Amino acid sequence: WGVLPVLLLLTVLVVVWRRQSKRPPGTPGT
């Protein structure tokens, strides 16, 4: 029960990073 929140946080960060890495250059926020 203590490890589960950490795993969920890492999963969210990986998903966000992958979305940002797929944006073309010059796109706001990239």
mmCIF file of all heavy atoms, coordinates in Angstrom:
data_MODEL
# 
_entry.id   MODEL 
# 
loop_
_atom_site.group_PDB 
_atom_site.id 
_atom_site.type_symbol 
_atom_site.label_atom_id 
_atom_site.label_alt_id 
_atom_site.label_comp_id 
_atom_site.label_asym_id 
_atom_site.label_entity_id 
_atom_site.label_seq_id 
_atom_site.pdbx_PDB_ins_code 
_atom_site.Cartn_x 
_atom_site.Cartn_y 
_atom_site.Cartn_z 
_atom_site.occupancy 
_atom_site.B_iso_or_equiv 
_atom_site.pdbx_formal_charge 
_atom_site.auth_seq_id 
_atom_site.auth_comp_id 
_atom_site.auth_asym_id 
_atom_site.auth_atom_id 
_atom_site.pdbx_PDB_model_num 
ATOM 1   N N   . TRP A 1 1  ? 0.829  -1.205 0.000   1.00 0.00 ? 1  TRP A N   1 
ATOM 2   C CA  . TRP A 1 1  ? 0.000  0.000  0.000   1.00 0.00 ? 1  TRP A CA  1 
ATOM 3   C C   . TRP A 1 1  ? 0.869  1.264  0.000   1.00 0.00 ? 1  TRP A C   1 
ATOM 4   O O   . TRP A 1 1  ? 0.425  2.318  -0.466  1.00 0.00 ? 1  TRP A O   1 
ATOM 5   C CB  . TRP A 1 1  ? -0.912 0.005  1.222   1.00 0.00 ? 1  TRP A CB  1 
ATOM 6   C CG  . TRP A 1 1  ? -1.832 -1.169 1.245   1.00 0.00 ? 1  TRP A CG  1 
ATOM 7   C CD1 . TRP A 1 1  ? -1.722 -2.275 1.998   1.00 0.00 ? 1  TRP A CD1 1 
ATOM 8   C CD2 . TRP A 1 1  ? -2.991 -1.352 0.435   1.00 0.00 ? 1  TRP A CD2 1 
ATOM 9   N NE1 . TRP A 1 1  ? -2.730 -3.156 1.727   1.00 0.00 ? 1  TRP A NE1 1 
ATOM 10  C CE2 . TRP A 1 1  ? -3.546 -2.596 0.764   1.00 0.00 ? 1  TRP A CE2 1 
ATOM 11  C CE3 . TRP A 1 1  ? -3.619 -0.580 -0.558  1.00 0.00 ? 1  TRP A CE3 1 
ATOM 12  C CZ2 . TRP A 1 1  ? -4.685 -3.097 0.162   1.00 0.00 ? 1  TRP A CZ2 1 
ATOM 13  C CZ3 . TRP A 1 1  ? -4.763 -1.074 -1.154  1.00 0.00 ? 1  TRP A CZ3 1 
ATOM 14  C CH2 . TRP A 1 1  ? -5.290 -2.329 -0.807  1.00 0.00 ? 1  TRP A CH2 1 
ATOM 15  N N   . GLY A 1 2  ? 2.106  1.219  0.505   1.00 0.00 ? 2  GLY A N   1 
ATOM 16  C CA  . GLY A 1 2  ? 3.000  2.387  0.458   1.00 0.00 ? 2  GLY A CA  1 
ATOM 17  C C   . GLY A 1 2  ? 3.689  2.552  -0.885  1.00 0.00 ? 2  GLY A C   1 
ATOM 18  O O   . GLY A 1 2  ? 4.020  3.663  -1.303  1.00 0.00 ? 2  GLY A O   1 
ATOM 19  N N   . VAL A 1 3  ? 3.954  1.462  -1.596  1.00 0.00 ? 3  VAL A N   1 
ATOM 20  C CA  . VAL A 1 3  ? 4.645  1.527  -2.888  1.00 0.00 ? 3  VAL A CA  1 
ATOM 21  C C   . VAL A 1 3  ? 3.687  1.926  -4.004  1.00 0.00 ? 3  VAL A C   1 
ATOM 22  O O   . VAL A 1 3  ? 4.087  2.535  -5.002  1.00 0.00 ? 3  VAL A O   1 
ATOM 23  C CB  . VAL A 1 3  ? 5.306  0.162  -3.179  1.00 0.00 ? 3  VAL A CB  1 
ATOM 24  C CG1 . VAL A 1 3  ? 5.939  0.134  -4.571  1.00 0.00 ? 3  VAL A CG1 1 
ATOM 25  C CG2 . VAL A 1 3  ? 6.334  -0.155 -2.114  1.00 0.00 ? 3  VAL A CG2 1 
ATOM 26  N N   . LEU A 1 4  ? 2.401  1.609  -3.856  1.00 0.00 ? 4  LEU A N   1 
ATOM 27  C CA  . LEU A 1 4  ? 1.436  1.852  -4.923  1.00 0.00 ? 4  LEU A CA  1 
ATOM 28  C C   . LEU A 1 4  ? 1.347  3.318  -5.341  1.00 0.00 ? 4  LEU A C   1 
ATOM 29  O O   . LEU A 1 4  ? 1.347  3.625  -6.548  1.00 0.00 ? 4  LEU A O   1 
ATOM 30  C CB  . LEU A 1 4  ? 0.065  1.322  -4.498  1.00 0.00 ? 4  LEU A CB  1 
ATOM 31  C CG  . LEU A 1 4  ? -1.032 1.372  -5.555  1.00 0.00 ? 4  LEU A CG  1 
ATOM 32  C CD1 . LEU A 1 4  ? -0.635 0.556  -6.781  1.00 0.00 ? 4  LEU A CD1 1 
ATOM 33  C CD2 . LEU A 1 4  ? -2.350 0.846  -4.978  1.00 0.00 ? 4  LEU A CD2 1 
ATOM 34  N N   . PRO A 1 5  ? 1.262  4.288  -4.416  1.00 0.00 ? 5  PRO A N   1 
ATOM 35  C CA  . PRO A 1 5  ? 1.215  5.692  -4.869  1.00 0.00 ? 5  PRO A CA  1 
ATOM 36  C C   . PRO A 1 5  ? 2.440  6.111  -5.652  1.00 0.00 ? 5  PRO A C   1 
ATOM 37  O O   . PRO A 1 5  ? 2.355  6.889  -6.614  1.00 0.00 ? 5  PRO A O   1 
ATOM 38  C CB  . PRO A 1 5  ? 1.080  6.472  -3.560  1.00 0.00 ? 5  PRO A CB  1 
ATOM 39  C CG  . PRO A 1 5  ? 0.491  5.504  -2.595  1.00 0.00 ? 5  PRO A CG  1 
ATOM 40  C CD  . PRO A 1 5  ? 1.077  4.190  -2.960  1.00 0.00 ? 5  PRO A CD  1 
ATOM 41  N N   . VAL A 1 6  ? 3.655  5.630  -5.278  1.00 0.00 ? 6  VAL A N   1 
ATOM 42  C CA  . VAL A 1 6  ? 4.879  5.994  -5.999  1.00 0.00 ? 6  VAL A CA  1 
ATOM 43  C C   . VAL A 1 6  ? 4.827  5.475  -7.429  1.00 0.00 ? 6  VAL A C   1 
ATOM 44  O O   . VAL A 1 6  ? 5.200  6.157  -8.394  1.00 0.00 ? 6  VAL A O   1 
ATOM 45  C CB  . VAL A 1 6  ? 6.112  5.446  -5.238  1.00 0.00 ? 6  VAL A CB  1 
ATOM 46  C CG1 . VAL A 1 6  ? 7.407  5.747  -6.018  1.00 0.00 ? 6  VAL A CG1 1 
ATOM 47  C CG2 . VAL A 1 6  ? 6.175  6.043  -3.844  1.00 0.00 ? 6  VAL A CG2 1 
ATOM 48  N N   . LEU A 1 7  ? 4.363  4.247  -7.583  1.00 0.00 ? 7  LEU A N   1 
ATOM 49  C CA  . LEU A 1 7  ? 4.255  3.670  -8.921  1.00 0.00 ? 7  LEU A CA  1 
ATOM 50  C C   . LEU A 1 7  ? 3.268  4.458  -9.785  1.00 0.00 ? 7  LEU A C   1 
ATOM 51  O O   . LEU A 1 7  ? 3.500  4.682  -10.983 1.00 0.00 ? 7  LEU A O   1 
ATOM 52  C CB  . LEU A 1 7  ? 3.827  2.204  -8.828  1.00 0.00 ? 7  LEU A CB  1 
ATOM 53  C CG  . LEU A 1 7  ? 4.836  1.254  -8.174  1.00 0.00 ? 7  LEU A CG  1 
ATOM 54  C CD1 . LEU A 1 7  ? 4.242  -0.147 -8.066  1.00 0.00 ? 7  LEU A CD1 1 
ATOM 55  C CD2 . LEU A 1 7  ? 6.132  1.215  -8.976  1.00 0.00 ? 7  LEU A CD2 1 
ATOM 56  N N   . LEU A 1 8  ? 2.156  4.879  -9.199  1.00 0.00 ? 8  LEU A N   1 
ATOM 57  C CA  . LEU A 1 8  ? 1.184  5.671  -9.953  1.00 0.00 ? 8  LEU A CA  1 
ATOM 58  C C   . LEU A 1 8  ? 1.777  7.010  -10.390 1.00 0.00 ? 8  LEU A C   1 
ATOM 59  O O   . LEU A 1 8  ? 1.545  7.473  -11.523 1.00 0.00 ? 8  LEU A O   1 
ATOM 60  C CB  . LEU A 1 8  ? -0.073 5.888  -9.101  1.00 0.00 ? 8  LEU A CB  1 
ATOM 61  C CG  . LEU A 1 8  ? -0.930 4.635  -8.829  1.00 0.00 ? 8  LEU A CG  1 
ATOM 62  C CD1 . LEU A 1 8  ? -2.074 4.990  -7.878  1.00 0.00 ? 8  LEU A CD1 1 
ATOM 63  C CD2 . LEU A 1 8  ? -1.483 4.077  -10.135 1.00 0.00 ? 8  LEU A CD2 1 
ATOM 64  N N   . LEU A 1 9  ? 2.560  7.662  -9.505  1.00 0.00 ? 9  LEU A N   1 
ATOM 65  C CA  . LEU A 1 9  ? 3.175  8.947  -9.845  1.00 0.00 ? 9  LEU A CA  1 
ATOM 66  C C   . LEU A 1 9  ? 4.167  8.790  -10.980 1.00 0.00 ? 9  LEU A C   1 
ATOM 67  O O   . LEU A 1 9  ? 4.212  9.607  -11.919 1.00 0.00 ? 9  LEU A O   1 
ATOM 68  C CB  . LEU A 1 9  ? 3.837  9.539  -8.609  1.00 0.00 ? 9  LEU A CB  1 
ATOM 69  C CG  . LEU A 1 9  ? 4.538  10.891 -8.784  1.00 0.00 ? 9  LEU A CG  1 
ATOM 70  C CD1 . LEU A 1 9  ? 3.556  11.960 -9.269  1.00 0.00 ? 9  LEU A CD1 1 
ATOM 71  C CD2 . LEU A 1 9  ? 5.197  11.343 -7.486  1.00 0.00 ? 9  LEU A CD2 1 
ATOM 72  N N   . LEU A 1 10 ? 5.006  7.741  -10.918 1.00 0.00 ? 10 LEU A N   1 
ATOM 73  C CA  . LEU A 1 10 ? 5.976  7.517  -11.990 1.00 0.00 ? 10 LEU A CA  1 
ATOM 74  C C   . LEU A 1 10 ? 5.277  7.260  -13.325 1.00 0.00 ? 10 LEU A C   1 
ATOM 75  O O   . LEU A 1 10 ? 5.730  7.704  -14.386 1.00 0.00 ? 10 LEU A O   1 
ATOM 76  C CB  . LEU A 1 10 ? 6.890  6.345  -11.632 1.00 0.00 ? 10 LEU A CB  1 
ATOM 77  C CG  . LEU A 1 10 ? 7.851  6.587  -10.459 1.00 0.00 ? 10 LEU A CG  1 
ATOM 78  C CD1 . LEU A 1 10 ? 8.621  5.311  -10.133 1.00 0.00 ? 10 LEU A CD1 1 
ATOM 79  C CD2 . LEU A 1 10 ? 8.841  7.706  -10.796 1.00 0.00 ? 10 LEU A CD2 1 
ATOM 80  N N   . THR A 1 11 ? 4.182  6.546  -13.279 1.00 0.00 ? 11 THR A N   1 
ATOM 81  C CA  . THR A 1 11 ? 3.440  6.253  -14.510 1.00 0.00 ? 11 THR A CA  1 
ATOM 82  C C   . THR A 1 11 ? 2.907  7.533  -15.141 1.00 0.00 ? 11 THR A C   1 
ATOM 83  O O   . THR A 1 11 ? 2.969  7.731  -16.365 1.00 0.00 ? 11 THR A O   1 
ATOM 84  C CB  . THR A 1 11 ? 2.290  5.295  -14.205 1.00 0.00 ? 11 THR A CB  1 
ATOM 85  O OG1 . THR A 1 11 ? 2.801  4.097  -13.607 1.00 0.00 ? 11 THR A OG1 1 
ATOM 86  C CG2 . THR A 1 11 ? 1.536  4.924  -15.472 1.00 0.00 ? 11 THR A CG2 1 
ATOM 87  N N   . VAL A 1 12 ? 2.365  8.422  -14.311 1.00 0.00 ? 12 VAL A N   1 
ATOM 88  C CA  . VAL A 1 12 ? 1.843  9.697  -14.826 1.00 0.00 ? 12 VAL A CA  1 
ATOM 89  C C   . VAL A 1 12 ? 2.952  10.529 -15.452 1.00 0.00 ? 12 VAL A C   1 
ATOM 90  O O   . VAL A 1 12 ? 2.800  11.129 -16.526 1.00 0.00 ? 12 VAL A O   1 
ATOM 91  C CB  . VAL A 1 12 ? 1.135  10.459 -13.699 1.00 0.00 ? 12 VAL A CB  1 
ATOM 92  C CG1 . VAL A 1 12 ? 0.763  11.869 -14.158 1.00 0.00 ? 12 VAL A CG1 1 
ATOM 93  C CG2 . VAL A 1 12 ? -0.110 9.704  -13.257 1.00 0.00 ? 12 VAL A CG2 1 
ATOM 94  N N   . LEU A 1 13 ? 4.141  10.585 -14.803 1.00 0.00 ? 13 LEU A N   1 
ATOM 95  C CA  . LEU A 1 13 ? 5.262  11.368 -15.335 1.00 0.00 ? 13 LEU A CA  1 
ATOM 96  C C   . LEU A 1 13 ? 5.737  10.822 -16.674 1.00 0.00 ? 13 LEU A C   1 
ATOM 97  O O   . LEU A 1 13 ? 6.074  11.576 -17.599 1.00 0.00 ? 13 LEU A O   1 
ATOM 98  C CB  . LEU A 1 13 ? 6.409  11.385 -14.312 1.00 0.00 ? 13 LEU A CB  1 
ATOM 99  C CG  . LEU A 1 13 ? 6.124  12.151 -13.018 1.00 0.00 ? 13 LEU A CG  1 
ATOM 100 C CD1 . LEU A 1 13 ? 7.312  12.024 -12.058 1.00 0.00 ? 13 LEU A CD1 1 
ATOM 101 C CD2 . LEU A 1 13 ? 5.863  13.633 -13.318 1.00 0.00 ? 13 LEU A CD2 1 
ATOM 102 N N   . VAL A 1 14 ? 5.775  9.494  -16.796 1.00 0.00 ? 14 VAL A N   1 
ATOM 103 C CA  . VAL A 1 14 ? 6.223  8.898  -18.052 1.00 0.00 ? 14 VAL A CA  1 
ATOM 104 C C   . VAL A 1 14 ? 5.243  9.228  -19.174 1.00 0.00 ? 14 VAL A C   1 
ATOM 105 O O   . VAL A 1 14 ? 5.638  9.551  -20.302 1.00 0.00 ? 14 VAL A O   1 
ATOM 106 C CB  . VAL A 1 14 ? 6.372  7.382  -17.877 1.00 0.00 ? 14 VAL A CB  1 
ATOM 107 C CG1 . VAL A 1 14 ? 6.583  6.697  -19.242 1.00 0.00 ? 14 VAL A CG1 1 
ATOM 108 C CG2 . VAL A 1 14 ? 7.541  7.082  -16.958 1.00 0.00 ? 14 VAL A CG2 1 
ATOM 109 N N   . VAL A 1 15 ? 3.943  9.190  -18.882 1.00 0.00 ? 15 VAL A N   1 
ATOM 110 C CA  . VAL A 1 15 ? 2.941  9.499  -19.900 1.00 0.00 ? 15 VAL A CA  1 
ATOM 111 C C   . VAL A 1 15 ? 3.061  10.955 -20.349 1.00 0.00 ? 15 VAL A C   1 
ATOM 112 O O   . VAL A 1 15 ? 3.014  11.282 -21.550 1.00 0.00 ? 15 VAL A O   1 
ATOM 113 C CB  . VAL A 1 15 ? 1.535  9.195  -19.364 1.00 0.00 ? 15 VAL A CB  1 
ATOM 114 C CG1 . VAL A 1 15 ? 0.460  9.716  -20.327 1.00 0.00 ? 15 VAL A CG1 1 
ATOM 115 C CG2 . VAL A 1 15 ? 1.362  7.697  -19.142 1.00 0.00 ? 15 VAL A CG2 1 
ATOM 116 N N   . VAL A 1 16 ? 3.249  11.854 -19.401 1.00 0.00 ? 16 VAL A N   1 
ATOM 117 C CA  . VAL A 1 16 ? 3.387  13.275 -19.754 1.00 0.00 ? 16 VAL A CA  1 
ATOM 118 C C   . VAL A 1 16 ? 4.631  13.528 -20.577 1.00 0.00 ? 16 VAL A C   1 
ATOM 119 O O   . VAL A 1 16 ? 4.631  14.273 -21.569 1.00 0.00 ? 16 VAL A O   1 
ATOM 120 C CB  . VAL A 1 16 ? 3.375  14.120 -18.463 1.00 0.00 ? 16 VAL A CB  1 
ATOM 121 C CG1 . VAL A 1 16 ? 3.694  15.583 -18.777 1.00 0.00 ? 16 VAL A CG1 1 
ATOM 122 C CG2 . VAL A 1 16 ? 2.015  14.009 -17.780 1.00 0.00 ? 16 VAL A CG2 1 
ATOM 123 N N   . TRP A 1 17 ? 5.731  12.866 -20.195 1.00 0.00 ? 17 TRP A N   1 
ATOM 124 C CA  . TRP A 1 17 ? 6.996  13.074 -20.933 1.00 0.00 ? 17 TRP A CA  1 
ATOM 125 C C   . TRP A 1 17 ? 6.874  12.580 -22.366 1.00 0.00 ? 17 TRP A C   1 
ATOM 126 O O   . TRP A 1 17 ? 7.357  13.210 -23.290 1.00 0.00 ? 17 TRP A O   1 
ATOM 127 C CB  . TRP A 1 17 ? 8.123  12.341 -20.198 1.00 0.00 ? 17 TRP A CB  1 
ATOM 128 C CG  . TRP A 1 17 ? 9.438  12.444 -20.912 1.00 0.00 ? 17 TRP A CG  1 
ATOM 129 C CD1 . TRP A 1 17 ? 10.318 13.473 -20.937 1.00 0.00 ? 17 TRP A CD1 1 
ATOM 130 C CD2 . TRP A 1 17 ? 9.974  11.431 -21.743 1.00 0.00 ? 17 TRP A CD2 1 
ATOM 131 N NE1 . TRP A 1 17 ? 11.390 13.212 -21.716 1.00 0.00 ? 17 TRP A NE1 1 
ATOM 132 C CE2 . TRP A 1 17 ? 11.209 11.931 -22.242 1.00 0.00 ? 17 TRP A CE2 1 
ATOM 133 C CE3 . TRP A 1 17 ? 9.561  10.170 -22.128 1.00 0.00 ? 17 TRP A CE3 1 
ATOM 134 C CZ2 . TRP A 1 17 ? 12.025 11.188 -23.089 1.00 0.00 ? 17 TRP A CZ2 1 
ATOM 135 C CZ3 . TRP A 1 17 ? 10.379 9.445  -22.970 1.00 0.00 ? 17 TRP A CZ3 1 
ATOM 136 C CH2 . TRP A 1 17 ? 11.592 9.943  -23.446 1.00 0.00 ? 17 TRP A CH2 1 
ATOM 137 N N   . ARG A 1 18 ? 6.201  11.455 -22.552 1.00 0.00 ? 18 ARG A N   1 
ATOM 138 C CA  . ARG A 1 18 ? 6.055  10.911 -23.905 1.00 0.00 ? 18 ARG A CA  1 
ATOM 139 C C   . ARG A 1 18 ? 5.198  11.833 -24.758 1.00 0.00 ? 18 ARG A C   1 
ATOM 140 O O   . ARG A 1 18 ? 5.458  12.028 -25.949 1.00 0.00 ? 18 ARG A O   1 
ATOM 141 C CB  . ARG A 1 18 ? 5.428  9.516  -23.845 1.00 0.00 ? 18 ARG A CB  1 
ATOM 142 C CG  . ARG A 1 18 ? 6.414  8.447  -23.359 1.00 0.00 ? 18 ARG A CG  1 
ATOM 143 C CD  . ARG A 1 18 ? 5.754  7.081  -23.373 1.00 0.00 ? 18 ARG A CD  1 
ATOM 144 N NE  . ARG A 1 18 ? 6.707  6.051  -22.983 1.00 0.00 ? 18 ARG A NE  1 
ATOM 145 C CZ  . ARG A 1 18 ? 6.394  4.759  -22.879 1.00 0.00 ? 18 ARG A CZ  1 
ATOM 146 N NH1 . ARG A 1 18 ? 5.148  4.367  -23.154 1.00 0.00 ? 18 ARG A NH1 1 
ATOM 147 N NH2 . ARG A 1 18 ? 7.315  3.894  -22.529 1.00 0.00 ? 18 ARG A NH2 1 
ATOM 148 N N   . ARG A 1 19 ? 4.159  12.431 -24.204 1.00 0.00 ? 19 ARG A N   1 
ATOM 149 C CA  . ARG A 1 19 ? 3.317  13.334 -24.973 1.00 0.00 ? 19 ARG A CA  1 
ATOM 150 C C   . ARG A 1 19 ? 4.085  14.586 -25.400 1.00 0.00 ? 19 ARG A C   1 
ATOM 151 O O   . ARG A 1 19 ? 3.942  15.083 -26.518 1.00 0.00 ? 19 ARG A O   1 
ATOM 152 C CB  . ARG A 1 19 ? 2.086  13.722 -24.170 1.00 0.00 ? 19 ARG A CB  1 
ATOM 153 C CG  . ARG A 1 19 ? 1.070  12.577 -24.025 1.00 0.00 ? 19 ARG A CG  1 
ATOM 154 C CD  . ARG A 1 19 ? -0.114 13.021 -23.221 1.00 0.00 ? 19 ARG A CD  1 
ATOM 155 N NE  . ARG A 1 19 ? -1.116 11.940 -23.110 1.00 0.00 ? 19 ARG A NE  1 
ATOM 156 C CZ  . ARG A 1 19 ? -2.244 12.057 -22.406 1.00 0.00 ? 19 ARG A CZ  1 
ATOM 157 N NH1 . ARG A 1 19 ? -2.502 13.214 -21.778 1.00 0.00 ? 19 ARG A NH1 1 
ATOM 158 N NH2 . ARG A 1 19 ? -3.073 11.044 -22.369 1.00 0.00 ? 19 ARG A NH2 1 
ATOM 159 N N   . GLN A 1 20 ? 4.894  15.093 -24.474 1.00 0.00 ? 20 GLN A N   1 
ATOM 160 C CA  . GLN A 1 20 ? 5.649  16.301 -24.805 1.00 0.00 ? 20 GLN A CA  1 
ATOM 161 C C   . GLN A 1 20 ? 6.748  16.030 -25.827 1.00 0.00 ? 20 GLN A C   1 
ATOM 162 O O   . GLN A 1 20 ? 7.062  16.871 -26.671 1.00 0.00 ? 20 GLN A O   1 
ATOM 163 C CB  . GLN A 1 20 ? 6.262  16.891 -23.520 1.00 0.00 ? 20 GLN A CB  1 
ATOM 164 C CG  . GLN A 1 20 ? 5.216  17.481 -22.581 1.00 0.00 ? 20 GLN A CG  1 
ATOM 165 C CD  . GLN A 1 20 ? 5.854  18.059 -21.326 1.00 0.00 ? 20 GLN A CD  1 
ATOM 166 O OE1 . GLN A 1 20 ? 7.059  17.883 -21.095 1.00 0.00 ? 20 GLN A OE1 1 
ATOM 167 N NE2 . GLN A 1 20 ? 5.049  18.748 -20.514 1.00 0.00 ? 20 GLN A NE2 1 
ATOM 168 N N   . SER A 1 21 ? 7.319  14.820 -25.760 1.00 0.00 ? 21 SER A N   1 
ATOM 169 C CA  . SER A 1 21 ? 8.407  14.506 -26.706 1.00 0.00 ? 21 SER A CA  1 
ATOM 170 C C   . SER A 1 21 ? 7.875  14.326 -28.139 1.00 0.00 ? 21 SER A C   1 
ATOM 171 O O   . SER A 1 21 ? 8.630  14.436 -29.094 1.00 0.00 ? 21 SER A O   1 
ATOM 172 C CB  . SER A 1 21 ? 9.157  13.255 -26.264 1.00 0.00 ? 21 SER A CB  1 
ATOM 173 O OG  . SER A 1 21 ? 8.267  12.147 -26.254 1.00 0.00 ? 21 SER A OG  1 
ATOM 174 N N   . LYS A 1 22 ? 6.612  14.056 -28.323 1.00 0.00 ? 22 LYS A N   1 
ATOM 175 C CA  . LYS A 1 22 ? 6.033  13.871 -29.638 1.00 0.00 ? 22 LYS A CA  1 
ATOM 176 C C   . LYS A 1 22 ? 5.601  15.191 -30.290 1.00 0.00 ? 22 LYS A C   1 
ATOM 177 O O   . LYS A 1 22 ? 5.246  15.212 -31.466 1.00 0.00 ? 22 LYS A O   1 
ATOM 178 C CB  . LYS A 1 22 ? 4.824  12.939 -29.564 1.00 0.00 ? 22 LYS A CB  1 
ATOM 179 C CG  . LYS A 1 22 ? 5.208  11.505 -29.222 1.00 0.00 ? 22 LYS A CG  1 
ATOM 180 C CD  . LYS A 1 22 ? 3.970  10.622 -29.149 1.00 0.00 ? 22 LYS A CD  1 
ATOM 181 C CE  . LYS A 1 22 ? 4.359  9.202  -28.803 1.00 0.00 ? 22 LYS A CE  1 
ATOM 182 N NZ  . LYS A 1 22 ? 3.164  8.335  -28.719 1.00 0.00 ? 22 LYS A NZ  1 
ATOM 183 N N   . ARG A 1 23 ? 5.598  16.335 -29.595 1.00 0.00 ? 23 ARG A N   1 
ATOM 184 C CA  . ARG A 1 23 ? 5.185  17.612 -30.176 1.00 0.00 ? 23 ARG A CA  1 
ATOM 185 C C   . ARG A 1 23 ? 6.270  18.150 -31.102 1.00 0.00 ? 23 ARG A C   1 
ATOM 186 O O   . ARG A 1 23 ? 7.466  18.007 -30.812 1.00 0.00 ? 23 ARG A O   1 
ATOM 187 C CB  . ARG A 1 23 ? 4.892  18.617 -29.072 1.00 0.00 ? 23 ARG A CB  1 
ATOM 188 C CG  . ARG A 1 23 ? 3.652  18.263 -28.237 1.00 0.00 ? 23 ARG A CG  1 
ATOM 189 C CD  . ARG A 1 23 ? 3.439  19.296 -27.155 1.00 0.00 ? 23 ARG A CD  1 
ATOM 190 N NE  . ARG A 1 23 ? 2.272  18.965 -26.345 1.00 0.00 ? 23 ARG A NE  1 
ATOM 191 C CZ  . ARG A 1 23 ? 1.863  19.702 -25.300 1.00 0.00 ? 23 ARG A CZ  1 
ATOM 192 N NH1 . ARG A 1 23 ? 2.530  20.801 -24.977 1.00 0.00 ? 23 ARG A NH1 1 
ATOM 193 N NH2 . ARG A 1 23 ? 0.801  19.322 -24.629 1.00 0.00 ? 23 ARG A NH2 1 
ATOM 194 N N   . PRO A 1 24 ? 5.936  18.849 -32.261 1.00 0.00 ? 24 PRO A N   1 
ATOM 195 C CA  . PRO A 1 24 ? 6.967  19.422 -33.162 1.00 0.00 ? 24 PRO A CA  1 
ATOM 196 C C   . PRO A 1 24 ? 7.654  20.621 -32.500 1.00 0.00 ? 24 PRO A C   1 
ATOM 197 O O   . PRO A 1 24 ? 7.108  21.231 -31.591 1.00 0.00 ? 24 PRO A O   1 
ATOM 198 C CB  . PRO A 1 24 ? 6.146  19.846 -34.390 1.00 0.00 ? 24 PRO A CB  1 
ATOM 199 C CG  . PRO A 1 24 ? 4.754  20.019 -33.864 1.00 0.00 ? 24 PRO A CG  1 
ATOM 200 C CD  . PRO A 1 24 ? 4.579  19.012 -32.768 1.00 0.00 ? 24 PRO A CD  1 
ATOM 201 N N   . PRO A 1 25 ? 8.841  20.939 -32.980 1.00 0.00 ? 25 PRO A N   1 
ATOM 202 C CA  . PRO A 1 25 ? 9.571  22.092 -32.383 1.00 0.00 ? 25 PRO A CA  1 
ATOM 203 C C   . PRO A 1 25 ? 8.796  23.379 -32.591 1.00 0.00 ? 25 PRO A C   1 
ATOM 204 O O   . PRO A 1 25 ? 8.139  23.567 -33.614 1.00 0.00 ? 25 PRO A O   1 
ATOM 205 C CB  . PRO A 1 25 ? 10.895 22.098 -33.150 1.00 0.00 ? 25 PRO A CB  1 
ATOM 206 C CG  . PRO A 1 25 ? 11.033 20.711 -33.711 1.00 0.00 ? 25 PRO A CG  1 
ATOM 207 C CD  . PRO A 1 25 ? 9.654  20.238 -33.992 1.00 0.00 ? 25 PRO A CD  1 
ATOM 208 N N   . GLY A 1 26 ? 8.900  24.282 -31.681 1.00 0.00 ? 26 GLY A N   1 
ATOM 209 C CA  . GLY A 1 26 ? 8.228  25.563 -31.742 1.00 0.00 ? 26 GLY A CA  1 
ATOM 210 C C   . GLY A 1 26 ? 6.839  25.547 -31.199 1.00 0.00 ? 26 GLY A C   1 
ATOM 211 O O   . GLY A 1 26 ? 6.183  26.580 -31.125 1.00 0.00 ? 26 GLY A O   1 
ATOM 212 N N   . THR A 1 27 ? 6.333  24.377 -30.862 1.00 0.00 ? 27 THR A N   1 
ATOM 213 C CA  . THR A 1 27 ? 4.996  24.303 -30.284 1.00 0.00 ? 27 THR A CA  1 
ATOM 214 C C   . THR A 1 27 ? 5.024  24.853 -28.880 1.00 0.00 ? 27 THR A C   1 
ATOM 215 O O   . THR A 1 27 ? 5.948  24.550 -28.126 1.00 0.00 ? 27 THR A O   1 
ATOM 216 C CB  . THR A 1 27 ? 4.510  22.840 -30.257 1.00 0.00 ? 27 THR A CB  1 
ATOM 217 O OG1 . THR A 1 27 ? 4.576  22.317 -31.583 1.00 0.00 ? 27 THR A OG1 1 
ATOM 218 C CG2 . THR A 1 27 ? 3.102  22.751 -29.722 1.00 0.00 ? 27 THR A CG2 1 
ATOM 219 N N   . PRO A 1 28 ? 4.070  25.699 -28.523 1.00 0.00 ? 28 PRO A N   1 
ATOM 220 C CA  . PRO A 1 28 ? 4.095  26.262 -27.152 1.00 0.00 ? 28 PRO A CA  1 
ATOM 221 C C   . PRO A 1 28 ? 4.110  25.141 -26.115 1.00 0.00 ? 28 PRO A C   1 
ATOM 222 O O   . PRO A 1 28 ? 3.414  24.133 -26.235 1.00 0.00 ? 28 PRO A O   1 
ATOM 223 C CB  . PRO A 1 28 ? 2.789  27.066 -27.088 1.00 0.00 ? 28 PRO A CB  1 
ATOM 224 C CG  . PRO A 1 28 ? 2.451  27.360 -28.482 1.00 0.00 ? 28 PRO A CG  1 
ATOM 225 C CD  . PRO A 1 28 ? 2.931  26.221 -29.296 1.00 0.00 ? 28 PRO A CD  1 
ATOM 226 N N   . GLY A 1 29 ? 4.935  25.390 -25.164 1.00 0.00 ? 29 GLY A N   1 
ATOM 227 C CA  . GLY A 1 29 ? 5.085  24.407 -24.084 1.00 0.00 ? 29 GLY A CA  1 
ATOM 228 C C   . GLY A 1 29 ? 6.182  23.442 -24.345 1.00 0.00 ? 29 GLY A C   1 
ATOM 229 O O   . GLY A 1 29 ? 6.486  22.615 -23.503 1.00 0.00 ? 29 GLY A O   1 
ATOM 230 N N   . THR A 1 30 ? 6.865  23.510 -25.604 1.00 0.00 ? 30 THR A N   1 
ATOM 231 C CA  . THR A 1 30 ? 7.955  22.579 -25.914 1.00 0.00 ? 30 THR A CA  1 
ATOM 232 C C   . THR A 1 30 ? 9.206  23.380 -26.136 1.00 0.00 ? 30 THR A C   1 
ATOM 233 O O   . THR A 1 30 ? 9.210  24.295 -26.963 1.00 0.00 ? 30 THR A O   1 
ATOM 234 C CB  . THR A 1 30 ? 7.651  21.773 -27.180 1.00 0.00 ? 30 THR A CB  1 
ATOM 235 O OG1 . THR A 1 30 ? 6.400  21.117 -26.977 1.00 0.00 ? 30 THR A OG1 1 
ATOM 236 C CG2 . THR A 1 30 ? 8.730  20.760 -27.461 1.00 0.00 ? 30 THR A CG2 1 
# 
